[in-house]
mmCIF file of all heavy atoms, coordinates in Angstrom:
data_MODEL
# 
_entry.id   MODEL 
# 
loop_
_atom_site.group_PDB 
_atom_site.id 
_atom_site.type_symbol 
_atom_site.label_atom_id 
_atom_site.label_alt_id 
_atom_site.label_comp_id 
_atom_site.label_asym_id 
_atom_site.label_entity_id 
_atom_site.label_seq_id 
_atom_site.pdbx_PDB_ins_code 
_atom_site.Cartn_x 
_atom_site.Cartn_y 
_atom_site.Cartn_z 
_atom_site.occupancy 
_atom_site.B_iso_or_equiv 
_atom_site.pdbx_formal_charge 
_atom_site.auth_seq_id 
_atom_site.auth_comp_id 
_atom_site.auth_asym_id 
_atom_site.auth_atom_id 
_atom_site.pdbx_PDB_model_num 
ATOM 1   N N   . TYR A 1 1  ? 131.688 -86.934  131.872 1.00 0.00 ? 1  TYR A N   1 
ATOM 2   C CA  . TYR A 1 1  ? 130.919 -88.158  131.604 1.00 0.00 ? 1  TYR A CA  1 
ATOM 3   C C   . TYR A 1 1  ? 129.452 -87.832  131.613 1.00 0.00 ? 1  TYR A C   1 
ATOM 4   O O   . TYR A 1 1  ? 128.982 -87.034  132.440 1.00 0.00 ? 1  TYR A O   1 
ATOM 5   C CB  . TYR A 1 1  ? 131.210 -89.266  132.631 1.00 0.00 ? 1  TYR A CB  1 
ATOM 6   C CG  . TYR A 1 1  ? 130.253 -90.434  132.517 1.00 0.00 ? 1  TYR A CG  1 
ATOM 7   C CD1 . TYR A 1 1  ? 130.389 -91.347  131.489 1.00 0.00 ? 1  TYR A CD1 1 
ATOM 8   C CD2 . TYR A 1 1  ? 129.137 -90.496  133.326 1.00 0.00 ? 1  TYR A CD2 1 
ATOM 9   C CE1 . TYR A 1 1  ? 129.470 -92.369  131.325 1.00 0.00 ? 1  TYR A CE1 1 
ATOM 10  C CE2 . TYR A 1 1  ? 128.218 -91.548  133.202 1.00 0.00 ? 1  TYR A CE2 1 
ATOM 11  C CZ  . TYR A 1 1  ? 128.395 -92.450  132.195 1.00 0.00 ? 1  TYR A CZ  1 
ATOM 12  O OH  . TYR A 1 1  ? 127.464 -93.496  132.005 1.00 0.00 ? 1  TYR A OH  1 
ATOM 13  N N   . TYR A 1 2  ? 128.680 -88.439  130.667 1.00 0.00 ? 2  TYR A N   1 
ATOM 14  C CA  . TYR A 1 2  ? 127.229 -88.284  130.678 1.00 0.00 ? 2  TYR A CA  1 
ATOM 15  C C   . TYR A 1 2  ? 126.591 -89.527  130.019 1.00 0.00 ? 2  TYR A C   1 
ATOM 16  O O   . TYR A 1 2  ? 127.233 -90.203  129.246 1.00 0.00 ? 2  TYR A O   1 
ATOM 17  C CB  . TYR A 1 2  ? 126.842 -87.028  129.920 1.00 0.00 ? 2  TYR A CB  1 
ATOM 18  C CG  . TYR A 1 2  ? 127.253 -86.955  128.487 1.00 0.00 ? 2  TYR A CG  1 
ATOM 19  C CD1 . TYR A 1 2  ? 126.455 -87.420  127.436 1.00 0.00 ? 2  TYR A CD1 1 
ATOM 20  C CD2 . TYR A 1 2  ? 128.520 -86.407  128.173 1.00 0.00 ? 2  TYR A CD2 1 
ATOM 21  C CE1 . TYR A 1 2  ? 126.913 -87.377  126.138 1.00 0.00 ? 2  TYR A CE1 1 
ATOM 22  C CE2 . TYR A 1 2  ? 128.945 -86.329  126.845 1.00 0.00 ? 2  TYR A CE2 1 
ATOM 23  C CZ  . TYR A 1 2  ? 128.137 -86.815  125.849 1.00 0.00 ? 2  TYR A CZ  1 
ATOM 24  O OH  . TYR A 1 2  ? 128.524 -86.783  124.547 1.00 0.00 ? 2  TYR A OH  1 
ATOM 25  N N   . ARG A 1 3  ? 125.373 -89.828  130.457 1.00 0.00 ? 3  ARG A N   1 
ATOM 26  C CA  . ARG A 1 3  ? 124.708 -90.934  129.833 1.00 0.00 ? 3  ARG A CA  1 
ATOM 27  C C   . ARG A 1 3  ? 124.216 -90.605  128.419 1.00 0.00 ? 3  ARG A C   1 
ATOM 28  O O   . ARG A 1 3  ? 123.851 -89.454  128.138 1.00 0.00 ? 3  ARG A O   1 
ATOM 29  C CB  . ARG A 1 3  ? 123.473 -91.345  130.704 1.00 0.00 ? 3  ARG A CB  1 
ATOM 30  C CG  . ARG A 1 3  ? 123.848 -92.165  131.884 1.00 0.00 ? 3  ARG A CG  1 
ATOM 31  C CD  . ARG A 1 3  ? 122.680 -92.619  132.743 1.00 0.00 ? 3  ARG A CD  1 
ATOM 32  N NE  . ARG A 1 3  ? 121.663 -93.312  131.935 1.00 0.00 ? 3  ARG A NE  1 
ATOM 33  C CZ  . ARG A 1 3  ? 120.655 -93.990  132.472 1.00 0.00 ? 3  ARG A CZ  1 
ATOM 34  N NH1 . ARG A 1 3  ? 120.523 -94.072  133.825 1.00 0.00 ? 3  ARG A NH1 1 
ATOM 35  N NH2 . ARG A 1 3  ? 119.752 -94.629  131.721 1.00 0.00 ? 3  ARG A NH2 1 
ATOM 36  N N   . LYS A 1 4  ? 124.246 -91.612  127.567 1.00 0.00 ? 4  LYS A N   1 
ATOM 37  C CA  . LYS A 1 4  ? 123.889 -91.391  126.152 1.00 0.00 ? 4  LYS A CA  1 
ATOM 38  C C   . LYS A 1 4  ? 122.433 -91.800  125.836 1.00 0.00 ? 4  LYS A C   1 
ATOM 39  O O   . LYS A 1 4  ? 121.978 -91.665  124.715 1.00 0.00 ? 4  LYS A O   1 
ATOM 40  C CB  . LYS A 1 4  ? 124.782 -92.208  125.234 1.00 0.00 ? 4  LYS A CB  1 
ATOM 41  C CG  . LYS A 1 4  ? 126.273 -92.078  125.506 1.00 0.00 ? 4  LYS A CG  1 
ATOM 42  C CD  . LYS A 1 4  ? 126.818 -90.696  125.320 1.00 0.00 ? 4  LYS A CD  1 
ATOM 43  C CE  . LYS A 1 4  ? 128.345 -90.710  125.420 1.00 0.00 ? 4  LYS A CE  1 
ATOM 44  N NZ  . LYS A 1 4  ? 128.917 -91.153  126.675 1.00 0.00 ? 4  LYS A NZ  1 
ATOM 45  N N   . ASP A 1 5  ? 121.677 -92.219  126.875 1.00 0.00 ? 5  ASP A N   1 
ATOM 46  C CA  . ASP A 1 5  ? 120.356 -92.778  126.627 1.00 0.00 ? 5  ASP A CA  1 
ATOM 47  C C   . ASP A 1 5  ? 119.260 -92.111  127.426 1.00 0.00 ? 5  ASP A C   1 
ATOM 48  O O   . ASP A 1 5  ? 118.210 -92.688  127.611 1.00 0.00 ? 5  ASP A O   1 
ATOM 49  C CB  . ASP A 1 5  ? 120.348 -94.276  126.925 1.00 0.00 ? 5  ASP A CB  1 
ATOM 50  C CG  . ASP A 1 5  ? 120.636 -94.576  128.408 1.00 0.00 ? 5  ASP A CG  1 
ATOM 51  O OD1 . ASP A 1 5  ? 121.080 -93.705  129.147 1.00 0.00 ? 5  ASP A OD1 1 
ATOM 52  O OD2 . ASP A 1 5  ? 120.341 -95.715  128.826 1.00 0.00 ? 5  ASP A OD2 1 
ATOM 53  N N   . ILE A 1 6  ? 119.461 -90.872  127.861 1.00 0.00 ? 6  ILE A N   1 
ATOM 54  C CA  . ILE A 1 6  ? 118.413 -90.166  128.614 1.00 0.00 ? 6  ILE A CA  1 
ATOM 55  C C   . ILE A 1 6  ? 117.150 -90.066  127.730 1.00 0.00 ? 6  ILE A C   1 
ATOM 56  O O   . ILE A 1 6  ? 117.213 -89.547  126.610 1.00 0.00 ? 6  ILE A O   1 
ATOM 57  C CB  . ILE A 1 6  ? 118.903 -88.780  129.037 1.00 0.00 ? 6  ILE A CB  1 
ATOM 58  C CG1 . ILE A 1 6  ? 120.148 -88.902  129.932 1.00 0.00 ? 6  ILE A CG1 1 
ATOM 59  C CG2 . ILE A 1 6  ? 117.785 -88.007  129.763 1.00 0.00 ? 6  ILE A CG2 1 
ATOM 60  C CD1 . ILE A 1 6  ? 119.951 -89.678  131.169 1.00 0.00 ? 6  ILE A CD1 1 
ATOM 61  N N   . GLY A 1 7  ? 116.037 -90.489  128.272 1.00 0.00 ? 7  GLY A N   1 
ATOM 62  C CA  . GLY A 1 7  ? 114.774 -90.347  127.605 1.00 0.00 ? 7  GLY A CA  1 
ATOM 63  C C   . GLY A 1 7  ? 114.545 -91.270  126.411 1.00 0.00 ? 7  GLY A C   1 
ATOM 64  O O   . GLY A 1 7  ? 113.598 -91.120  125.693 1.00 0.00 ? 7  GLY A O   1 
ATOM 65  N N   . LYS A 1 8  ? 115.491 -92.197  126.215 1.00 0.00 ? 8  LYS A N   1 
ATOM 66  C CA  . LYS A 1 8  ? 115.451 -93.005  125.014 1.00 0.00 ? 8  LYS A CA  1 
ATOM 67  C C   . LYS A 1 8  ? 115.064 -94.484  125.250 1.00 0.00 ? 8  LYS A C   1 
ATOM 68  O O   . LYS A 1 8  ? 114.906 -95.230  124.309 1.00 0.00 ? 8  LYS A O   1 
ATOM 69  C CB  . LYS A 1 8  ? 116.775 -92.952  124.268 1.00 0.00 ? 8  LYS A CB  1 
ATOM 70  C CG  . LYS A 1 8  ? 117.197 -91.595  123.811 1.00 0.00 ? 8  LYS A CG  1 
ATOM 71  C CD  . LYS A 1 8  ? 118.525 -91.597  123.078 1.00 0.00 ? 8  LYS A CD  1 
ATOM 72  C CE  . LYS A 1 8  ? 118.913 -90.246  122.582 1.00 0.00 ? 8  LYS A CE  1 
ATOM 73  N NZ  . LYS A 1 8  ? 120.205 -90.219  121.880 1.00 0.00 ? 8  LYS A NZ  1 
ATOM 74  N N   . THR A 1 9  ? 114.978 -94.894  126.527 1.00 0.00 ? 9  THR A N   1 
ATOM 75  C CA  . THR A 1 9  ? 114.727 -96.290  126.859 1.00 0.00 ? 9  THR A CA  1 
ATOM 76  C C   . THR A 1 9  ? 113.333 -96.439  127.427 1.00 0.00 ? 9  THR A C   1 
ATOM 77  O O   . THR A 1 9  ? 113.001 -95.750  128.389 1.00 0.00 ? 9  THR A O   1 
ATOM 78  C CB  . THR A 1 9  ? 115.766 -96.854  127.810 1.00 0.00 ? 9  THR A CB  1 
ATOM 79  O OG1 . THR A 1 9  ? 117.038 -96.677  127.230 1.00 0.00 ? 9  THR A OG1 1 
ATOM 80  C CG2 . THR A 1 9  ? 115.555 -98.295  128.100 1.00 0.00 ? 9  THR A CG2 1 
ATOM 81  N N   . PHE A 1 10 ? 112.533 -97.344  126.858 1.00 0.00 ? 10 PHE A N   1 
ATOM 82  C CA  . PHE A 1 10 ? 111.166 -97.575  127.320 1.00 0.00 ? 10 PHE A CA  1 
ATOM 83  C C   . PHE A 1 10 ? 110.846 -99.020  127.471 1.00 0.00 ? 10 PHE A C   1 
ATOM 84  O O   . PHE A 1 10 ? 111.419 -99.892  126.798 1.00 0.00 ? 10 PHE A O   1 
ATOM 85  C CB  . PHE A 1 10 ? 110.159 -96.952  126.311 1.00 0.00 ? 10 PHE A CB  1 
ATOM 86  C CG  . PHE A 1 10 ? 110.316 -95.444  126.107 1.00 0.00 ? 10 PHE A CG  1 
ATOM 87  C CD1 . PHE A 1 10 ? 111.096 -94.976  125.039 1.00 0.00 ? 10 PHE A CD1 1 
ATOM 88  C CD2 . PHE A 1 10 ? 109.718 -94.540  126.985 1.00 0.00 ? 10 PHE A CD2 1 
ATOM 89  C CE1 . PHE A 1 10 ? 111.248 -93.629  124.861 1.00 0.00 ? 10 PHE A CE1 1 
ATOM 90  C CE2 . PHE A 1 10 ? 109.920 -93.192  126.803 1.00 0.00 ? 10 PHE A CE2 1 
ATOM 91  C CZ  . PHE A 1 10 ? 110.638 -92.700  125.724 1.00 0.00 ? 10 PHE A CZ  1 
ATOM 92  N N   . GLU A 1 11 ? 109.970 -99.281  128.397 1.00 0.00 ? 11 GLU A N   1 
ATOM 93  C CA  . GLU A 1 11 ? 109.478 -100.648 128.582 1.00 0.00 ? 11 GLU A CA  1 
ATOM 94  C C   . GLU A 1 11 ? 108.399 -100.942 127.545 1.00 0.00 ? 11 GLU A C   1 
ATOM 95  O O   . GLU A 1 11 ? 107.447 -100.190 127.383 1.00 0.00 ? 11 GLU A O   1 
ATOM 96  C CB  . GLU A 1 11 ? 108.875 -100.830 129.997 1.00 0.00 ? 11 GLU A CB  1 
ATOM 97  C CG  . GLU A 1 11 ? 108.753 -102.244 130.437 1.00 0.00 ? 11 GLU A CG  1 
ATOM 98  C CD  . GLU A 1 11 ? 108.343 -102.343 131.865 1.00 0.00 ? 11 GLU A CD  1 
ATOM 99  O OE1 . GLU A 1 11 ? 107.349 -101.719 132.300 1.00 0.00 ? 11 GLU A OE1 1 
ATOM 100 O OE2 . GLU A 1 11 ? 109.026 -103.092 132.615 1.00 0.00 ? 11 GLU A OE2 1 
ATOM 101 N N   . VAL A 1 12 ? 108.563 -102.042 126.761 1.00 0.00 ? 12 VAL A N   1 
ATOM 102 C CA  . VAL A 1 12 ? 107.697 -102.331 125.633 1.00 0.00 ? 12 VAL A CA  1 
ATOM 103 C C   . VAL A 1 12 ? 107.146 -103.740 125.733 1.00 0.00 ? 12 VAL A C   1 
ATOM 104 O O   . VAL A 1 12 ? 107.890 -104.688 126.046 1.00 0.00 ? 12 VAL A O   1 
ATOM 105 C CB  . VAL A 1 12 ? 108.448 -102.198 124.312 1.00 0.00 ? 12 VAL A CB  1 
ATOM 106 C CG1 . VAL A 1 12 ? 107.632 -102.655 123.130 1.00 0.00 ? 12 VAL A CG1 1 
ATOM 107 C CG2 . VAL A 1 12 ? 108.975 -100.748 124.147 1.00 0.00 ? 12 VAL A CG2 1 
ATOM 108 N N   . LEU A 1 13 ? 105.851 -103.875 125.511 1.00 0.00 ? 13 LEU A N   1 
ATOM 109 C CA  . LEU A 1 13 ? 105.181 -105.213 125.453 1.00 0.00 ? 13 LEU A CA  1 
ATOM 110 C C   . LEU A 1 13 ? 105.214 -105.646 123.986 1.00 0.00 ? 13 LEU A C   1 
ATOM 111 O O   . LEU A 1 13 ? 104.648 -105.000 123.118 1.00 0.00 ? 13 LEU A O   1 
ATOM 112 C CB  . LEU A 1 13 ? 103.775 -105.103 125.983 1.00 0.00 ? 13 LEU A CB  1 
ATOM 113 C CG  . LEU A 1 13 ? 102.962 -106.405 125.886 1.00 0.00 ? 13 LEU A CG  1 
ATOM 114 C CD1 . LEU A 1 13 ? 103.564 -107.488 126.769 1.00 0.00 ? 13 LEU A CD1 1 
ATOM 115 C CD2 . LEU A 1 13 ? 101.519 -106.181 126.240 1.00 0.00 ? 13 LEU A CD2 1 
ATOM 116 N N   . VAL A 1 14 ? 105.887 -106.792 123.724 1.00 0.00 ? 14 VAL A N   1 
ATOM 117 C CA  . VAL A 1 14 ? 106.004 -107.291 122.355 1.00 0.00 ? 14 VAL A CA  1 
ATOM 118 C C   . VAL A 1 14 ? 104.669 -107.882 121.926 1.00 0.00 ? 14 VAL A C   1 
ATOM 119 O O   . VAL A 1 14 ? 104.113 -108.744 122.555 1.00 0.00 ? 14 VAL A O   1 
ATOM 120 C CB  . VAL A 1 14 ? 107.100 -108.384 122.293 1.00 0.00 ? 14 VAL A CB  1 
ATOM 121 C CG1 . VAL A 1 14 ? 107.220 -108.878 120.844 1.00 0.00 ? 14 VAL A CG1 1 
ATOM 122 C CG2 . VAL A 1 14 ? 108.440 -107.816 122.772 1.00 0.00 ? 14 VAL A CG2 1 
ATOM 123 N N   . GLU A 1 15 ? 104.168 -107.385 120.780 1.00 0.00 ? 15 GLU A N   1 
ATOM 124 C CA  . GLU A 1 15 ? 102.836 -107.795 120.298 1.00 0.00 ? 15 GLU A CA  1 
ATOM 125 C C   . GLU A 1 15 ? 102.876 -108.628 119.059 1.00 0.00 ? 15 GLU A C   1 
ATOM 126 O O   . GLU A 1 15 ? 101.943 -109.437 118.781 1.00 0.00 ? 15 GLU A O   1 
ATOM 127 C CB  . GLU A 1 15 ? 101.987 -106.541 120.030 1.00 0.00 ? 15 GLU A CB  1 
ATOM 128 C CG  . GLU A 1 15 ? 101.651 -105.781 121.281 1.00 0.00 ? 15 GLU A CG  1 
ATOM 129 C CD  . GLU A 1 15 ? 100.652 -104.651 121.029 1.00 0.00 ? 15 GLU A CD  1 
ATOM 130 O OE1 . GLU A 1 15 ? 100.279 -104.437 119.835 1.00 0.00 ? 15 GLU A OE1 1 
ATOM 131 O OE2 . GLU A 1 15 ? 100.191 -103.961 121.987 1.00 0.00 ? 15 GLU A OE2 1 
ATOM 132 N N   . GLY A 1 16 ? 103.909 -108.492 118.210 1.00 0.00 ? 16 GLY A N   1 
ATOM 133 C CA  . GLY A 1 16 ? 103.929 -109.289 116.955 1.00 0.00 ? 16 GLY A CA  1 
ATOM 134 C C   . GLY A 1 16 ? 105.146 -108.927 116.101 1.00 0.00 ? 16 GLY A C   1 
ATOM 135 O O   . GLY A 1 16 ? 106.030 -108.190 116.470 1.00 0.00 ? 16 GLY A O   1 
ATOM 136 N N   . PHE A 1 17 ? 105.067 -109.523 114.875 1.00 0.00 ? 17 PHE A N   1 
ATOM 137 C CA  . PHE A 1 17 ? 106.141 -109.239 113.878 1.00 0.00 ? 17 PHE A CA  1 
ATOM 138 C C   . PHE A 1 17 ? 105.894 -108.004 113.133 1.00 0.00 ? 17 PHE A C   1 
ATOM 139 O O   . PHE A 1 17 ? 104.733 -107.634 112.864 1.00 0.00 ? 17 PHE A O   1 
ATOM 140 C CB  . PHE A 1 17 ? 106.249 -110.444 112.944 1.00 0.00 ? 17 PHE A CB  1 
ATOM 141 C CG  . PHE A 1 17 ? 106.797 -111.703 113.598 1.00 0.00 ? 17 PHE A CG  1 
ATOM 142 C CD1 . PHE A 1 17 ? 105.868 -112.724 113.936 1.00 0.00 ? 17 PHE A CD1 1 
ATOM 143 C CD2 . PHE A 1 17 ? 108.118 -111.842 113.826 1.00 0.00 ? 17 PHE A CD2 1 
ATOM 144 C CE1 . PHE A 1 17 ? 106.352 -113.854 114.507 1.00 0.00 ? 17 PHE A CE1 1 
ATOM 145 C CE2 . PHE A 1 17 ? 108.602 -113.027 114.419 1.00 0.00 ? 17 PHE A CE2 1 
ATOM 146 C CZ  . PHE A 1 17 ? 107.732 -114.024 114.765 1.00 0.00 ? 17 PHE A CZ  1 
ATOM 147 N N   . SER A 1 18 ? 106.954 -107.303 112.767 1.00 0.00 ? 18 SER A N   1 
ATOM 148 C CA  . SER A 1 18 ? 106.852 -106.126 111.953 1.00 0.00 ? 18 SER A CA  1 
ATOM 149 C C   . SER A 1 18 ? 106.371 -106.460 110.568 1.00 0.00 ? 18 SER A C   1 
ATOM 150 O O   . SER A 1 18 ? 106.654 -107.539 110.064 1.00 0.00 ? 18 SER A O   1 
ATOM 151 C CB  . SER A 1 18 ? 108.170 -105.416 111.859 1.00 0.00 ? 18 SER A CB  1 
ATOM 152 O OG  . SER A 1 18 ? 108.194 -104.393 110.857 1.00 0.00 ? 18 SER A OG  1 
ATOM 153 N N   . LYS A 1 19 ? 105.639 -105.542 109.909 1.00 0.00 ? 19 LYS A N   1 
ATOM 154 C CA  . LYS A 1 19 ? 105.200 -105.779 108.542 1.00 0.00 ? 19 LYS A CA  1 
ATOM 155 C C   . LYS A 1 19 ? 106.396 -105.791 107.583 1.00 0.00 ? 19 LYS A C   1 
ATOM 156 O O   . LYS A 1 19 ? 106.283 -106.379 106.497 1.00 0.00 ? 19 LYS A O   1 
ATOM 157 C CB  . LYS A 1 19 ? 104.212 -104.664 108.130 1.00 0.00 ? 19 LYS A CB  1 
ATOM 158 C CG  . LYS A 1 19 ? 102.874 -104.679 108.912 1.00 0.00 ? 19 LYS A CG  1 
ATOM 159 C CD  . LYS A 1 19 ? 102.001 -103.587 108.460 1.00 0.00 ? 19 LYS A CD  1 
ATOM 160 C CE  . LYS A 1 19 ? 100.643 -103.539 109.224 1.00 0.00 ? 19 LYS A CE  1 
ATOM 161 N NZ  . LYS A 1 19 ? 99.791  -102.449 108.818 1.00 0.00 ? 19 LYS A NZ  1 
ATOM 162 N N   . ARG A 1 20 ? 107.466 -105.177 108.001 1.00 0.00 ? 20 ARG A N   1 
ATOM 163 C CA  . ARG A 1 20 ? 108.633 -105.082 107.101 1.00 0.00 ? 20 ARG A CA  1 
ATOM 164 C C   . ARG A 1 20 ? 109.406 -106.404 107.017 1.00 0.00 ? 20 ARG A C   1 
ATOM 165 O O   . ARG A 1 20 ? 109.876 -106.793 105.957 1.00 0.00 ? 20 ARG A O   1 
ATOM 166 C CB  . ARG A 1 20 ? 109.589 -103.976 107.584 1.00 0.00 ? 20 ARG A CB  1 
ATOM 167 C CG  . ARG A 1 20 ? 108.970 -102.601 107.556 1.00 0.00 ? 20 ARG A CG  1 
ATOM 168 C CD  . ARG A 1 20 ? 109.975 -101.569 108.024 1.00 0.00 ? 20 ARG A CD  1 
ATOM 169 N NE  . ARG A 1 20 ? 109.483 -100.220 108.024 1.00 0.00 ? 20 ARG A NE  1 
ATOM 170 C CZ  . ARG A 1 20 ? 110.188 -99.163  108.388 1.00 0.00 ? 20 ARG A CZ  1 
ATOM 171 N NH1 . ARG A 1 20 ? 111.452 -99.333  108.833 1.00 0.00 ? 20 ARG A NH1 1 
ATOM 172 N NH2 . ARG A 1 20 ? 109.639 -97.967  108.363 1.00 0.00 ? 20 ARG A NH2 1 
ATOM 173 N N   . SER A 1 21 ? 109.548 -107.057 108.141 1.00 0.00 ? 21 SER A N   1 
ATOM 174 C CA  . SER A 1 21 ? 110.426 -108.232 108.203 1.00 0.00 ? 21 SER A CA  1 
ATOM 175 C C   . SER A 1 21 ? 110.110 -109.098 109.386 1.00 0.00 ? 21 SER A C   1 
ATOM 176 O O   . SER A 1 21 ? 109.775 -108.602 110.471 1.00 0.00 ? 21 SER A O   1 
ATOM 177 C CB  . SER A 1 21 ? 111.894 -107.786 108.258 1.00 0.00 ? 21 SER A CB  1 
ATOM 178 O OG  . SER A 1 21 ? 112.772 -108.871 108.565 1.00 0.00 ? 21 SER A OG  1 
ATOM 179 N N   . LYS A 1 22 ? 110.247 -110.410 109.204 1.00 0.00 ? 22 LYS A N   1 
ATOM 180 C CA  . LYS A 1 22 ? 110.089 -111.361 110.317 1.00 0.00 ? 22 LYS A CA  1 
ATOM 181 C C   . LYS A 1 22 ? 111.229 -111.264 111.313 1.00 0.00 ? 22 LYS A C   1 
ATOM 182 O O   . LYS A 1 22 ? 111.182 -111.874 112.405 1.00 0.00 ? 22 LYS A O   1 
ATOM 183 C CB  . LYS A 1 22 ? 109.976 -112.763 109.774 1.00 0.00 ? 22 LYS A CB  1 
ATOM 184 C CG  . LYS A 1 22 ? 108.647 -113.092 109.009 1.00 0.00 ? 22 LYS A CG  1 
ATOM 185 C CD  . LYS A 1 22 ? 107.473 -113.072 109.985 1.00 0.00 ? 22 LYS A CD  1 
ATOM 186 C CE  . LYS A 1 22 ? 106.228 -113.465 109.237 1.00 0.00 ? 22 LYS A CE  1 
ATOM 187 N NZ  . LYS A 1 22 ? 105.007 -113.463 110.165 1.00 0.00 ? 22 LYS A NZ  1 
ATOM 188 N N   . GLU A 1 23 ? 112.302 -110.571 110.943 1.00 0.00 ? 23 GLU A N   1 
ATOM 189 C CA  . GLU A 1 23 ? 113.447 -110.402 111.878 1.00 0.00 ? 23 GLU A CA  1 
ATOM 190 C C   . GLU A 1 23 ? 113.242 -109.199 112.754 1.00 0.00 ? 23 GLU A C   1 
ATOM 191 O O   . GLU A 1 23 ? 114.084 -108.932 113.615 1.00 0.00 ? 23 GLU A O   1 
ATOM 192 C CB  . GLU A 1 23 ? 114.732 -110.231 111.035 1.00 0.00 ? 23 GLU A CB  1 
ATOM 193 C CG  . GLU A 1 23 ? 115.106 -111.446 110.213 1.00 0.00 ? 23 GLU A CG  1 
ATOM 194 C CD  . GLU A 1 23 ? 115.234 -112.676 111.067 1.00 0.00 ? 23 GLU A CD  1 
ATOM 195 O OE1 . GLU A 1 23 ? 115.891 -112.576 112.142 1.00 0.00 ? 23 GLU A OE1 1 
ATOM 196 O OE2 . GLU A 1 23 ? 114.703 -113.721 110.706 1.00 0.00 ? 23 GLU A OE2 1 
ATOM 197 N N   . GLN A 1 24 ? 112.113 -108.528 112.623 1.00 0.00 ? 24 GLN A N   1 
ATOM 198 C CA  . GLN A 1 24 ? 111.782 -107.401 113.470 1.00 0.00 ? 24 GLN A CA  1 
ATOM 199 C C   . GLN A 1 24 ? 110.485 -107.639 114.219 1.00 0.00 ? 24 GLN A C   1 
ATOM 200 O O   . GLN A 1 24 ? 109.547 -108.261 113.659 1.00 0.00 ? 24 GLN A O   1 
ATOM 201 C CB  . GLN A 1 24 ? 111.707 -106.087 112.695 1.00 0.00 ? 24 GLN A CB  1 
ATOM 202 C CG  . GLN A 1 24 ? 113.023 -105.583 112.168 1.00 0.00 ? 24 GLN A CG  1 
ATOM 203 C CD  . GLN A 1 24 ? 112.897 -104.244 111.507 1.00 0.00 ? 24 GLN A CD  1 
ATOM 204 O OE1 . GLN A 1 24 ? 111.970 -103.975 110.750 1.00 0.00 ? 24 GLN A OE1 1 
ATOM 205 N NE2 . GLN A 1 24 ? 113.828 -103.320 111.813 1.00 0.00 ? 24 GLN A NE2 1 
ATOM 206 N N   . LEU A 1 25 ? 110.377 -107.125 115.376 1.00 0.00 ? 25 LEU A N   1 
ATOM 207 C CA  . LEU A 1 25 ? 109.139 -107.215 116.197 1.00 0.00 ? 25 LEU A CA  1 
ATOM 208 C C   . LEU A 1 25 ? 108.628 -105.792 116.408 1.00 0.00 ? 25 LEU A C   1 
ATOM 209 O O   . LEU A 1 25 ? 109.334 -104.807 116.242 1.00 0.00 ? 25 LEU A O   1 
ATOM 210 C CB  . LEU A 1 25 ? 109.409 -107.890 117.546 1.00 0.00 ? 25 LEU A CB  1 
ATOM 211 C CG  . LEU A 1 25 ? 109.882 -109.309 117.548 1.00 0.00 ? 25 LEU A CG  1 
ATOM 212 C CD1 . LEU A 1 25 ? 110.319 -109.755 118.894 1.00 0.00 ? 25 LEU A CD1 1 
ATOM 213 C CD2 . LEU A 1 25 ? 108.772 -110.242 116.981 1.00 0.00 ? 25 LEU A CD2 1 
ATOM 214 N N   . PHE A 1 26 ? 107.341 -105.737 116.787 1.00 0.00 ? 26 PHE A N   1 
ATOM 215 C CA  . PHE A 1 26 ? 106.817 -104.435 117.229 1.00 0.00 ? 26 PHE A CA  1 
ATOM 216 C C   . PHE A 1 26 ? 106.075 -104.620 118.539 1.00 0.00 ? 26 PHE A C   1 
ATOM 217 O O   . PHE A 1 26 ? 105.612 -105.709 118.866 1.00 0.00 ? 26 PHE A O   1 
ATOM 218 C CB  . PHE A 1 26 ? 105.865 -103.864 116.154 1.00 0.00 ? 26 PHE A CB  1 
ATOM 219 C CG  . PHE A 1 26 ? 104.478 -104.422 116.178 1.00 0.00 ? 26 PHE A CG  1 
ATOM 220 C CD1 . PHE A 1 26 ? 103.472 -103.863 116.965 1.00 0.00 ? 26 PHE A CD1 1 
ATOM 221 C CD2 . PHE A 1 26 ? 104.167 -105.541 115.434 1.00 0.00 ? 26 PHE A CD2 1 
ATOM 222 C CE1 . PHE A 1 26 ? 102.216 -104.393 117.004 1.00 0.00 ? 26 PHE A CE1 1 
ATOM 223 C CE2 . PHE A 1 26 ? 102.909 -106.103 115.438 1.00 0.00 ? 26 PHE A CE2 1 
ATOM 224 C CZ  . PHE A 1 26 ? 101.908 -105.509 116.227 1.00 0.00 ? 26 PHE A CZ  1 
# 
């Protein structure tokens, strides 16, 4: 058994909508 998310999860402050789509945030 091993974790699949080592080094891949970060705490993020949501700042706005993505330029690509309103369904995405950055």
